[in-house]
Amino acid sequence: MKKIMTVVLCVIISGFIPYMSTVSANSNKEQVTIQDLSVNGTNGNYVIKGIIPEGKEVYYTVEDGHNELIAKKKVPLSNHKFLLEIHLNKKELPANGTVILYFSEEGKEPYSVVLETFS
């Protein structure tokens, strides 16, 4: 019985090892900072508002997990605030998937925002 329990525990622990190494590899980088984020909209038309307190150059892209729907663009800032109006062609929207907005800044982990999930 002890051998079976040992084997079961080893299998369970080995299943977590890839996740543990991913967390430790990514934990050294700080994530892009976004504050007071709000997302509104559906069917490819979205309005995203927020604050980037550091005022650094932040970029955004929009993807569906397989395809880049909007290529990298600079986030327009006014007094650290931004307003993005995103309009996607309905043909580009996934029939079964998620549209995700990524904020990126050099040397930092991206900040992801789910805009809409389709099923």
C-alpha atoms as a PDB file:
ATOM      1  CA  MET A   1       0.000   0.000   0.000  1.00  0.00           C
ATOM      2  CA  LYS A   2       2.839   2.429   0.812  1.00  0.00           C
ATOM      3  CA  LYS A   3       4.409   1.836  -2.617  1.00  0.00           C
ATOM      4  CA  ILE A   4       1.115   2.644  -4.357  1.00  0.00           C
ATOM      5  CA  MET A   5       0.691   5.851  -2.354  1.00  0.00           C
ATOM      6  CA  THR A   6       4.294   6.841  -3.124  1.00  0.00           C
ATOM      7  CA  VAL A   7       3.764   6.291  -6.851  1.00  0.00           C
ATOM      8  CA  VAL A   8       0.485   8.265  -6.777  1.00  0.00           C
ATOM      9  CA  LEU A   9       2.130  11.179  -4.960  1.00  0.00           C
ATOM     10  CA  CYS A  10       5.050  11.196  -7.400  1.00  0.00           C
ATOM     11  CA  VAL A  11       2.679  11.327 -10.349  1.00  0.00           C
ATOM     12  CA  ILE A  12       0.712  14.197  -8.789  1.00  0.00           C
ATOM     13  CA  ILE A  13       3.843  16.166  -7.918  1.00  0.00           C
ATOM     14  CA  SER A  14       5.406  15.609 -11.351  1.00  0.00           C
ATOM     15  CA  GLY A  15       2.244  17.070 -12.906  1.00  0.00           C
ATOM     16  CA  PHE A  16       2.866  20.345 -11.056  1.00  0.00           C
ATOM     17  CA  ILE A  17       6.575  20.667 -11.883  1.00  0.00           C
ATOM     18  CA  PRO A  18       6.053  22.427 -15.267  1.00  0.00           C
ATOM     19  CA  TYR A  19       3.798  25.002 -13.603  1.00  0.00           C
ATOM     20  CA  MET A  20       6.234  25.558 -10.761  1.00  0.00           C
ATOM     21  CA  SER A  21       9.110  26.252 -13.154  1.00  0.00           C
ATOM     22  CA  THR A  22       6.941  28.616 -15.233  1.00  0.00           C
ATOM     23  CA  VAL A  23       5.960  30.611 -12.160  1.00  0.00           C
ATOM     24  CA  SER A  24       9.520  30.934 -10.943  1.00  0.00           C
ATOM     25  CA  ALA A  25      10.780  31.869 -14.423  1.00  0.00           C
ATOM     26  CA  ASN A  26       8.193  34.632 -14.810  1.00  0.00           C
ATOM     27  CA  SER A  27       8.199  35.900 -11.234  1.00  0.00           C
ATOM     28  CA  ASN A  28      11.354  37.970 -11.770  1.00  0.00           C
ATOM     29  CA  LYS A  29       9.560  40.341 -14.140  1.00  0.00           C
ATOM     30  CA  GLU A  30       7.149  42.991 -13.001  1.00  0.00           C
ATOM     31  CA  GLN A  31       3.810  43.203 -14.803  1.00  0.00           C
ATOM     32  CA  VAL A  32       2.654  46.256 -16.755  1.00  0.00           C
ATOM     33  CA  THR A  33       0.717  48.494 -14.349  1.00  0.00           C
ATOM     34  CA  ILE A  34      -2.833  49.458 -15.333  1.00  0.00           C
ATOM     35  CA  GLN A  35      -5.219  51.163 -12.899  1.00  0.00           C
ATOM     36  CA  ASP A  36      -8.964  51.944 -12.932  1.00  0.00           C
ATOM     37  CA  LEU A  37      -9.491  49.702 -15.940  1.00  0.00           C
ATOM     38  CA  SER A  38     -12.974  49.503 -17.454  1.00  0.00           C
ATOM     39  CA  VAL A  39     -14.061  47.498 -20.489  1.00  0.00           C
ATOM     40  CA  ASN A  40     -17.386  47.929 -22.273  1.00  0.00           C
ATOM     41  CA  GLY A  41     -18.760  46.569 -25.515  1.00  0.00           C
ATOM     42  CA  THR A  42     -19.642  43.426 -27.453  1.00  0.00           C
ATOM     43  CA  ASN A  43     -19.463  41.895 -30.919  1.00  0.00           C
ATOM     44  CA  GLY A  44     -16.116  43.423 -31.851  1.00  0.00           C
ATOM     45  CA  ASN A  45     -16.778  46.972 -30.624  1.00  0.00           C
ATOM     46  CA  TYR A  46     -15.080  47.774 -27.324  1.00  0.00           C
ATOM     47  CA  VAL A  47     -14.206  50.838 -25.268  1.00  0.00           C
ATOM     48  CA  ILE A  48     -11.346  50.422 -22.793  1.00  0.00           C
ATOM     49  CA  LYS A  49     -10.427  53.145 -20.301  1.00  0.00           C
ATOM     50  CA  GLY A  50      -7.759  53.238 -17.652  1.00  0.00           C
ATOM     51  CA  ILE A  51      -4.695  54.847 -16.150  1.00  0.00           C
ATOM     52  CA  ILE A  52      -1.025  54.041 -16.706  1.00  0.00           C
ATOM     53  CA  PRO A  53       0.493  55.697 -13.631  1.00  0.00           C
ATOM     54  CA  GLU A  54       4.141  55.519 -14.661  1.00  0.00           C
ATOM     55  CA  GLY A  55       3.573  57.297 -17.963  1.00  0.00           C
ATOM     56  CA  LYS A  56       5.955  54.979 -19.812  1.00  0.00           C
ATOM     57  CA  GLU A  57       5.498  53.862 -23.391  1.00  0.00           C
ATOM     58  CA  VAL A  58       2.937  51.072 -23.272  1.00  0.00           C
ATOM     59  CA  TYR A  59       1.680  49.203 -26.321  1.00  0.00           C
ATOM     60  CA  TYR A  60      -1.332  47.031 -26.998  1.00  0.00           C
ATOM     61  CA  THR A  61      -2.258  44.178 -29.286  1.00  0.00           C
ATOM     62  CA  VAL A  62      -5.506  42.262 -29.714  1.00  0.00           C
ATOM     63  CA  GLU A  63      -5.540  38.519 -30.360  1.00  0.00           C
ATOM     64  CA  ASP A  64      -7.922  35.590 -30.333  1.00  0.00           C
ATOM     65  CA  GLY A  65      -5.313  33.132 -29.094  1.00  0.00           C
ATOM     66  CA  HIS A  66      -4.401  32.046 -32.630  1.00  0.00           C
ATOM     67  CA  ASN A  67      -4.501  35.202 -34.727  1.00  0.00           C
ATOM     68  CA  GLU A  68      -3.339  38.760 -34.164  1.00  0.00           C
ATOM     69  CA  LEU A  69      -6.411  40.902 -34.810  1.00  0.00           C
ATOM     70  CA  ILE A  70      -4.727  44.261 -34.126  1.00  0.00           C
ATOM     71  CA  ALA A  71      -0.955  44.596 -34.455  1.00  0.00           C
ATOM     72  CA  LYS A  72       1.152  46.346 -31.823  1.00  0.00           C
ATOM     73  CA  LYS A  73       0.126  49.987 -31.340  1.00  0.00           C
ATOM     74  CA  LYS A  74       1.174  52.603 -28.813  1.00  0.00           C
ATOM     75  CA  VAL A  75      -1.387  53.401 -26.104  1.00  0.00           C
ATOM     76  CA  PRO A  76      -2.282  57.105 -26.444  1.00  0.00           C
ATOM     77  CA  LEU A  77      -1.912  58.803 -23.053  1.00  0.00           C
ATOM     78  CA  SER A  78      -3.269  62.106 -21.803  1.00  0.00           C
ATOM     79  CA  ASN A  79      -2.305  62.901 -18.193  1.00  0.00           C
ATOM     80  CA  HIS A  80      -1.611  59.167 -17.662  1.00  0.00           C
ATOM     81  CA  LYS A  81      -5.172  58.299 -18.798  1.00  0.00           C
ATOM     82  CA  PHE A  82      -6.098  56.393 -21.922  1.00  0.00           C
ATOM     83  CA  LEU A  83      -9.201  55.631 -23.955  1.00  0.00           C
ATOM     84  CA  LEU A  84      -9.073  52.885 -26.581  1.00  0.00           C
ATOM     85  CA  GLU A  85     -11.889  52.339 -29.048  1.00  0.00           C
ATOM     86  CA  ILE A  86     -11.449  48.980 -30.702  1.00  0.00           C
ATOM     87  CA  HIS A  87     -13.528  47.960 -33.702  1.00  0.00           C
ATOM     88  CA  LEU A  88     -13.074  44.480 -35.138  1.00  0.00           C
ATOM     89  CA  ASN A  89     -14.672  43.142 -38.272  1.00  0.00           C
ATOM     90  CA  LYS A  90     -17.303  40.525 -37.347  1.00  0.00           C
ATOM     91  CA  LYS A  91     -15.633  38.110 -39.785  1.00  0.00           C
ATOM     92  CA  GLU A  92     -12.452  38.274 -37.650  1.00  0.00           C
ATOM     93  CA  LEU A  93     -14.228  37.287 -34.432  1.00  0.00           C
ATOM     94  CA  PRO A  94     -13.784  33.676 -33.336  1.00  0.00           C
ATOM     95  CA  ALA A  95     -16.830  31.412 -33.543  1.00  0.00           C
ATOM     96  CA  ASN A  96     -15.610  29.649 -30.422  1.00  0.00           C
ATOM     97  CA  GLY A  97     -12.873  31.475 -28.520  1.00  0.00           C
ATOM     98  CA  THR A  98     -11.798  34.603 -26.675  1.00  0.00           C
ATOM     99  CA  VAL A  99     -10.728  38.062 -27.825  1.00  0.00           C
ATOM    100  CA  ILE A 100      -7.879  39.261 -25.593  1.00  0.00           C
ATOM    101  CA  LEU A 101      -6.228  42.683 -25.291  1.00  0.00           C
ATOM    102  CA  TYR A 102      -2.573  42.638 -24.209  1.00  0.00           C
ATOM    103  CA  PHE A 103      -0.787  45.668 -22.773  1.00  0.00           C
ATOM    104  CA  SER A 104       2.995  45.425 -23.069  1.00  0.00           C
ATOM    105  CA  GLU A 105       5.991  47.421 -21.930  1.00  0.00           C
ATOM    106  CA  GLU A 106       9.642  46.637 -22.543  1.00  0.00           C
ATOM    107  CA  GLY A 107      11.091  44.426 -19.813  1.00  0.00           C
ATOM    108  CA  LYS A 108       7.740  43.658 -18.174  1.00  0.00           C
ATOM    109  CA  GLU A 109       5.224  40.854 -18.271  1.00  0.00           C
ATOM    110  CA  PRO A 110       2.164  41.675 -20.423  1.00  0.00           C
ATOM    111  CA  TYR A 111      -1.144  42.610 -18.799  1.00  0.00           C
ATOM    112  CA  SER A 112      -4.004  40.716 -20.419  1.00  0.00           C
ATOM    113  CA  VAL A 113      -7.681  41.707 -20.530  1.00  0.00           C
ATOM    114  CA  VAL A 114     -10.470  39.504 -21.836  1.00  0.00           C
ATOM    115  CA  LEU A 115     -12.652  41.623 -24.106  1.00  0.00           C
ATOM    116  CA  GLU A 116     -15.188  38.931 -24.972  1.00  0.00           C
ATOM    117  CA  THR A 117     -15.645  35.171 -25.017  1.00  0.00           C
ATOM    118  CA  PHE A 118     -17.582  33.490 -27.827  1.00  0.00           C
ATOM    119  CA  SER A 119     -19.051  29.990 -27.713  1.00  0.00           C
END
